C-alpha atoms as a PDB file:
ATOM      1  CA  MET A   1     188.347  97.850  99.980  1.00  0.00           C
ATOM      2  CA  ILE A   2     188.567  98.103 103.620  1.00  0.00           C
ATOM      3  CA  LYS A   3     187.871  94.910 105.788  1.00  0.00           C
ATOM      4  CA  ILE A   4     188.038  95.505 109.610  1.00  0.00           C
ATOM      5  CA  LYS A   5     186.733  93.120 112.348  1.00  0.00           C
ATOM      6  CA  GLY A   6     184.912  94.744 115.313  1.00  0.00           C
ATOM      7  CA  LYS A   7     182.488  94.061 118.089  1.00  0.00           C
ATOM      8  CA  ILE A   8     179.454  95.543 119.650  1.00  0.00           C
ATOM      9  CA  ALA A   9     180.081  96.687 123.241  1.00  0.00           C
ATOM     10  CA  LYS A  10     177.855  95.694 126.284  1.00  0.00           C
ATOM     11  CA  ASN A  11     176.242  99.102 125.960  1.00  0.00           C
ATOM     12  CA  ASN A  12     175.288  98.140 122.285  1.00  0.00           C
ATOM     13  CA  ARG A  13     177.773 100.604 120.714  1.00  0.00           C
ATOM     14  CA  MET A  14     180.236  99.785 118.165  1.00  0.00           C
ATOM     15  CA  TYR A  15     183.352 101.703 117.382  1.00  0.00           C
ATOM     16  CA  ILE A  16     183.797 102.622 113.861  1.00  0.00           C
ATOM     17  CA  ALA A  17     187.481 102.260 112.802  1.00  0.00           C
ATOM     18  CA  LYS A  18     189.411 105.282 111.679  1.00  0.00           C
ATOM     19  CA  GLU A  19     189.925 103.767 108.255  1.00  0.00           C
ATOM     20  CA  ILE A  20     186.129 103.632 107.676  1.00  0.00           C
ATOM     21  CA  ARG A  21     185.661 107.060 109.065  1.00  0.00           C
ATOM     22  CA  GLU A  22     188.239 108.473 106.647  1.00  0.00           C
ATOM     23  CA  ALA A  23     186.673 106.619 103.670  1.00  0.00           C
ATOM     24  CA  ILE A  24     183.338 108.112 104.368  1.00  0.00           C
ATOM     25  CA  GLY A  25     184.519 111.597 105.323  1.00  0.00           C
ATOM     26  CA  LYS A  26     183.320 113.993 108.124  1.00  0.00           C
ATOM     27  CA  LYS A  27     179.673 113.836 107.046  1.00  0.00           C
ATOM     28  CA  LYS A  28     176.502 112.472 108.287  1.00  0.00           C
ATOM     29  CA  VAL A  29     175.536 109.041 107.152  1.00  0.00           C
ATOM     30  CA  GLU A  30     172.625 107.035 106.067  1.00  0.00           C
ATOM     31  CA  MET A  31     172.431 103.256 106.783  1.00  0.00           C
ATOM     32  CA  ILE A  32     170.404 100.511 105.250  1.00  0.00           C
ATOM     33  CA  GLY A  33     170.056  97.285 107.049  1.00  0.00           C
ATOM     34  CA  VAL A  34     168.890  94.007 105.335  1.00  0.00           C
ATOM     35  CA  GLY A  35     169.157  90.667 107.155  1.00  0.00           C
ATOM     36  CA  LYS A  36     172.886  90.482 108.653  1.00  0.00           C
ATOM     37  CA  VAL A  37     174.119  93.332 106.452  1.00  0.00           C
ATOM     38  CA  ILE A  38     174.274  97.064 106.946  1.00  0.00           C
ATOM     39  CA  VAL A  39     175.389  99.499 104.195  1.00  0.00           C
ATOM     40  CA  MET A  40     176.568 102.840 105.539  1.00  0.00           C
ATOM     41  CA  TYR A  41     177.234 105.688 103.222  1.00  0.00           C
ATOM     42  CA  PRO A  42     177.565 109.369 103.197  1.00  0.00           C
ATOM     43  CA  ASN A  43     174.185 111.390 103.448  1.00  0.00           C
ATOM     44  CA  GLY A  44     173.425 112.538  99.966  1.00  0.00           C
ATOM     45  CA  GLU A  45     175.790 110.378  98.152  1.00  0.00           C
ATOM     46  CA  GLU A  46     174.767 109.492  94.549  1.00  0.00           C
ATOM     47  CA  LYS A  47     172.797 106.137  94.795  1.00  0.00           C
ATOM     48  CA  GLU A  48     174.586 104.926  91.678  1.00  0.00           C
ATOM     49  CA  ASP A  49     178.039 105.396  93.318  1.00  0.00           C
ATOM     50  CA  VAL A  50     176.747 103.619  96.459  1.00  0.00           C
ATOM     51  CA  ILE A  51     175.420 100.727  94.273  1.00  0.00           C
ATOM     52  CA  LYS A  52     178.764 100.309  92.458  1.00  0.00           C
ATOM     53  CA  SER A  53     180.669 100.275  95.794  1.00  0.00           C
ATOM     54  CA  VAL A  54     178.191  97.743  97.149  1.00  0.00           C
ATOM     55  CA  ASP A  55     178.664  95.498  93.975  1.00  0.00           C
ATOM     56  CA  MET A  56     182.317  95.679  94.371  1.00  0.00           C
ATOM     57  CA  ALA A  57     182.132  94.625  98.056  1.00  0.00           C
ATOM     58  CA  LEU A  58     179.896  91.729  97.131  1.00  0.00           C
ATOM     59  CA  LYS A  59     182.220  90.499  94.441  1.00  0.00           C
ATOM     60  CA  ALA A  60     185.084  90.613  96.990  1.00  0.00           C
ATOM     61  CA  LEU A  61     182.927  88.708  99.475  1.00  0.00           C
ATOM     62  CA  GLU A  62     181.968  86.071  96.921  1.00  0.00           C
ATOM     63  CA  LEU A  63     185.547  85.594  95.977  1.00  0.00           C
ATOM     64  CA  GLU A  64     186.553  85.074  99.649  1.00  0.00           C
ATOM     65  CA  ALA A  65     183.714  82.759  99.982  1.00  0.00           C
ATOM     66  CA  LYS A  66     184.967  80.527  97.078  1.00  0.00           C
ATOM     67  CA  THR A  67     188.447  80.307  98.322  1.00  0.00           C
ATOM     68  CA  LYS A  68     187.430  78.835 101.695  1.00  0.00           C
END
């Protein structure tokens, strides 16, 4: 899992860290935004694979929340 802090610049743009770009690959991406969360994944990726990844990230976030 990759966890990187970032910020949105004054021009409303956000730098995507090299580690994330490498994980996604040099592909076009799709994004889904819900509430305060955005899921970004390679265009055409199998949805089941995306769901598995989101589930793993959610479990890591839940664990982090329990330890604080």
